Amino acid sequence: MKKSTRLVSIKKPIGTHDLFNLKLPTSVSISNNESKIAYTVEWMDEKENKYYQNLHLVDVHSKKSVQFTHGNQSDSSAIW
């Protein structure tokens, strides 16, 4: 049996500017009835050179995620 090999080509190296496009989950909390999950997403504003966090909410059954808070603020520690 012949193994296939895949070559990965990188078009450009990752630079410091690319870090501003990252959005990272930082805090997760499951509701008491386990039907919803609240989590925060951290992102960085390049102009202000600051980190911010916004709350998101997922319905476990429908798997729909909604951003609950918006803007340049730090909503941390998603807790029920």
C-alpha atoms as a PDB file:
ATOM      1  CA  MET A   1       0.000   0.000   0.000  1.00  0.00           C
ATOM      2  CA  LYS A   2       1.422   3.334  -1.050  1.00  0.00           C
ATOM      3  CA  LYS A   3       1.360   6.210   1.424  1.00  0.00           C
ATOM      4  CA  SER A   4       0.361   9.566   0.084  1.00  0.00           C
ATOM      5  CA  THR A   5       2.256  12.635   1.116  1.00  0.00           C
ATOM      6  CA  ARG A   6       0.873  16.133   1.039  1.00  0.00           C
ATOM      7  CA  LEU A   7       3.045  19.148   0.628  1.00  0.00           C
ATOM      8  CA  VAL A   8       2.018  22.285   2.428  1.00  0.00           C
ATOM      9  CA  SER A   9       3.031  25.533   0.841  1.00  0.00           C
ATOM     10  CA  ILE A  10       3.216  28.672   2.893  1.00  0.00           C
ATOM     11  CA  LYS A  11       2.589  31.833   0.927  1.00  0.00           C
ATOM     12  CA  LYS A  12       4.041  34.212   3.486  1.00  0.00           C
ATOM     13  CA  PRO A  13       5.396  33.933   6.992  1.00  0.00           C
ATOM     14  CA  ILE A  14       3.192  34.933   9.907  1.00  0.00           C
ATOM     15  CA  GLY A  15       4.046  38.410  11.131  1.00  0.00           C
ATOM     16  CA  THR A  16       3.223  40.465  14.182  1.00  0.00           C
ATOM     17  CA  HIS A  17       0.433  42.212  12.264  1.00  0.00           C
ATOM     18  CA  ASP A  18      -1.336  38.832  11.918  1.00  0.00           C
ATOM     19  CA  LEU A  19      -1.643  38.585  15.706  1.00  0.00           C
ATOM     20  CA  PHE A  20      -4.210  41.395  15.667  1.00  0.00           C
ATOM     21  CA  ASN A  21      -6.556  39.143  13.668  1.00  0.00           C
ATOM     22  CA  LEU A  22      -6.623  36.409  16.325  1.00  0.00           C
ATOM     23  CA  LYS A  23      -9.745  35.949  18.422  1.00  0.00           C
ATOM     24  CA  LEU A  24      -9.211  33.629  21.372  1.00  0.00           C
ATOM     25  CA  PRO A  25     -11.728  32.037  23.762  1.00  0.00           C
ATOM     26  CA  THR A  26     -10.665  32.907  27.309  1.00  0.00           C
ATOM     27  CA  SER A  27     -13.435  31.881  29.729  1.00  0.00           C
ATOM     28  CA  VAL A  28     -16.161  29.221  29.515  1.00  0.00           C
ATOM     29  CA  SER A  29     -19.160  28.525  31.761  1.00  0.00           C
ATOM     30  CA  ILE A  30     -21.951  25.937  31.359  1.00  0.00           C
ATOM     31  CA  SER A  31     -25.437  26.744  32.675  1.00  0.00           C
ATOM     32  CA  ASN A  32     -26.859  24.657  35.544  1.00  0.00           C
ATOM     33  CA  ASN A  33     -29.265  22.807  33.234  1.00  0.00           C
ATOM     34  CA  GLU A  34     -26.451  22.327  30.684  1.00  0.00           C
ATOM     35  CA  SER A  35     -28.508  23.880  27.874  1.00  0.00           C
ATOM     36  CA  LYS A  36     -26.346  26.951  27.303  1.00  0.00           C
ATOM     37  CA  ILE A  37     -22.646  27.789  27.280  1.00  0.00           C
ATOM     38  CA  ALA A  38     -21.346  31.295  27.906  1.00  0.00           C
ATOM     39  CA  TYR A  39     -17.813  32.166  26.857  1.00  0.00           C
ATOM     40  CA  THR A  40     -15.636  35.198  26.288  1.00  0.00           C
ATOM     41  CA  VAL A  41     -13.612  35.960  23.179  1.00  0.00           C
ATOM     42  CA  GLU A  42     -10.483  38.078  23.538  1.00  0.00           C
ATOM     43  CA  TRP A  43      -9.266  40.299  20.699  1.00  0.00           C
ATOM     44  CA  MET A  44      -6.831  43.148  20.308  1.00  0.00           C
ATOM     45  CA  ASP A  45      -7.469  46.617  18.940  1.00  0.00           C
ATOM     46  CA  GLU A  46      -4.443  47.538  16.833  1.00  0.00           C
ATOM     47  CA  LYS A  47      -4.943  51.314  17.024  1.00  0.00           C
ATOM     48  CA  GLU A  48      -5.342  51.388  20.797  1.00  0.00           C
ATOM     49  CA  ASN A  49      -2.911  48.508  21.367  1.00  0.00           C
ATOM     50  CA  LYS A  50      -5.332  47.042  23.949  1.00  0.00           C
ATOM     51  CA  TYR A  51      -7.019  43.708  24.565  1.00  0.00           C
ATOM     52  CA  TYR A  52     -10.805  43.497  24.873  1.00  0.00           C
ATOM     53  CA  GLN A  53     -13.258  40.688  25.644  1.00  0.00           C
ATOM     54  CA  ASN A  54     -16.871  40.187  24.576  1.00  0.00           C
ATOM     55  CA  LEU A  55     -19.412  37.642  25.845  1.00  0.00           C
ATOM     56  CA  HIS A  56     -20.894  34.998  23.564  1.00  0.00           C
ATOM     57  CA  LEU A  57     -23.704  32.532  24.222  1.00  0.00           C
ATOM     58  CA  VAL A  58     -24.255  29.101  22.640  1.00  0.00           C
ATOM     59  CA  ASP A  59     -27.474  27.095  22.744  1.00  0.00           C
ATOM     60  CA  VAL A  60     -26.328  23.482  23.136  1.00  0.00           C
ATOM     61  CA  HIS A  61     -29.338  22.000  21.324  1.00  0.00           C
ATOM     62  CA  SER A  62     -29.439  24.268  18.279  1.00  0.00           C
ATOM     63  CA  LYS A  63     -25.656  24.872  18.299  1.00  0.00           C
ATOM     64  CA  LYS A  64     -26.285  28.546  17.492  1.00  0.00           C
ATOM     65  CA  SER A  65     -23.814  31.035  18.887  1.00  0.00           C
ATOM     66  CA  VAL A  66     -24.699  34.687  19.481  1.00  0.00           C
ATOM     67  CA  GLN A  67     -22.362  37.494  20.450  1.00  0.00           C
ATOM     68  CA  PHE A  68     -23.974  38.935  23.581  1.00  0.00           C
ATOM     69  CA  THR A  69     -21.831  42.058  24.107  1.00  0.00           C
ATOM     70  CA  HIS A  70     -20.033  44.187  21.528  1.00  0.00           C
ATOM     71  CA  GLY A  71     -17.422  46.901  21.331  1.00  0.00           C
ATOM     72  CA  ASN A  72     -14.258  48.031  23.014  1.00  0.00           C
ATOM     73  CA  GLN A  73     -14.922  46.763  26.511  1.00  0.00           C
ATOM     74  CA  SER A  74     -13.699  43.941  28.680  1.00  0.00           C
ATOM     75  CA  ASP A  75     -16.517  41.599  29.659  1.00  0.00           C
ATOM     76  CA  SER A  76     -14.604  38.848  31.393  1.00  0.00           C
ATOM     77  CA  SER A  77     -15.378  35.737  33.432  1.00  0.00           C
ATOM     78  CA  ALA A  78     -18.504  34.269  31.897  1.00  0.00           C
ATOM     79  CA  ILE A  79     -20.287  32.877  34.975  1.00  0.00           C
ATOM     80  CA  TRP A  80     -23.896  31.760  35.450  1.00  0.00           C
END
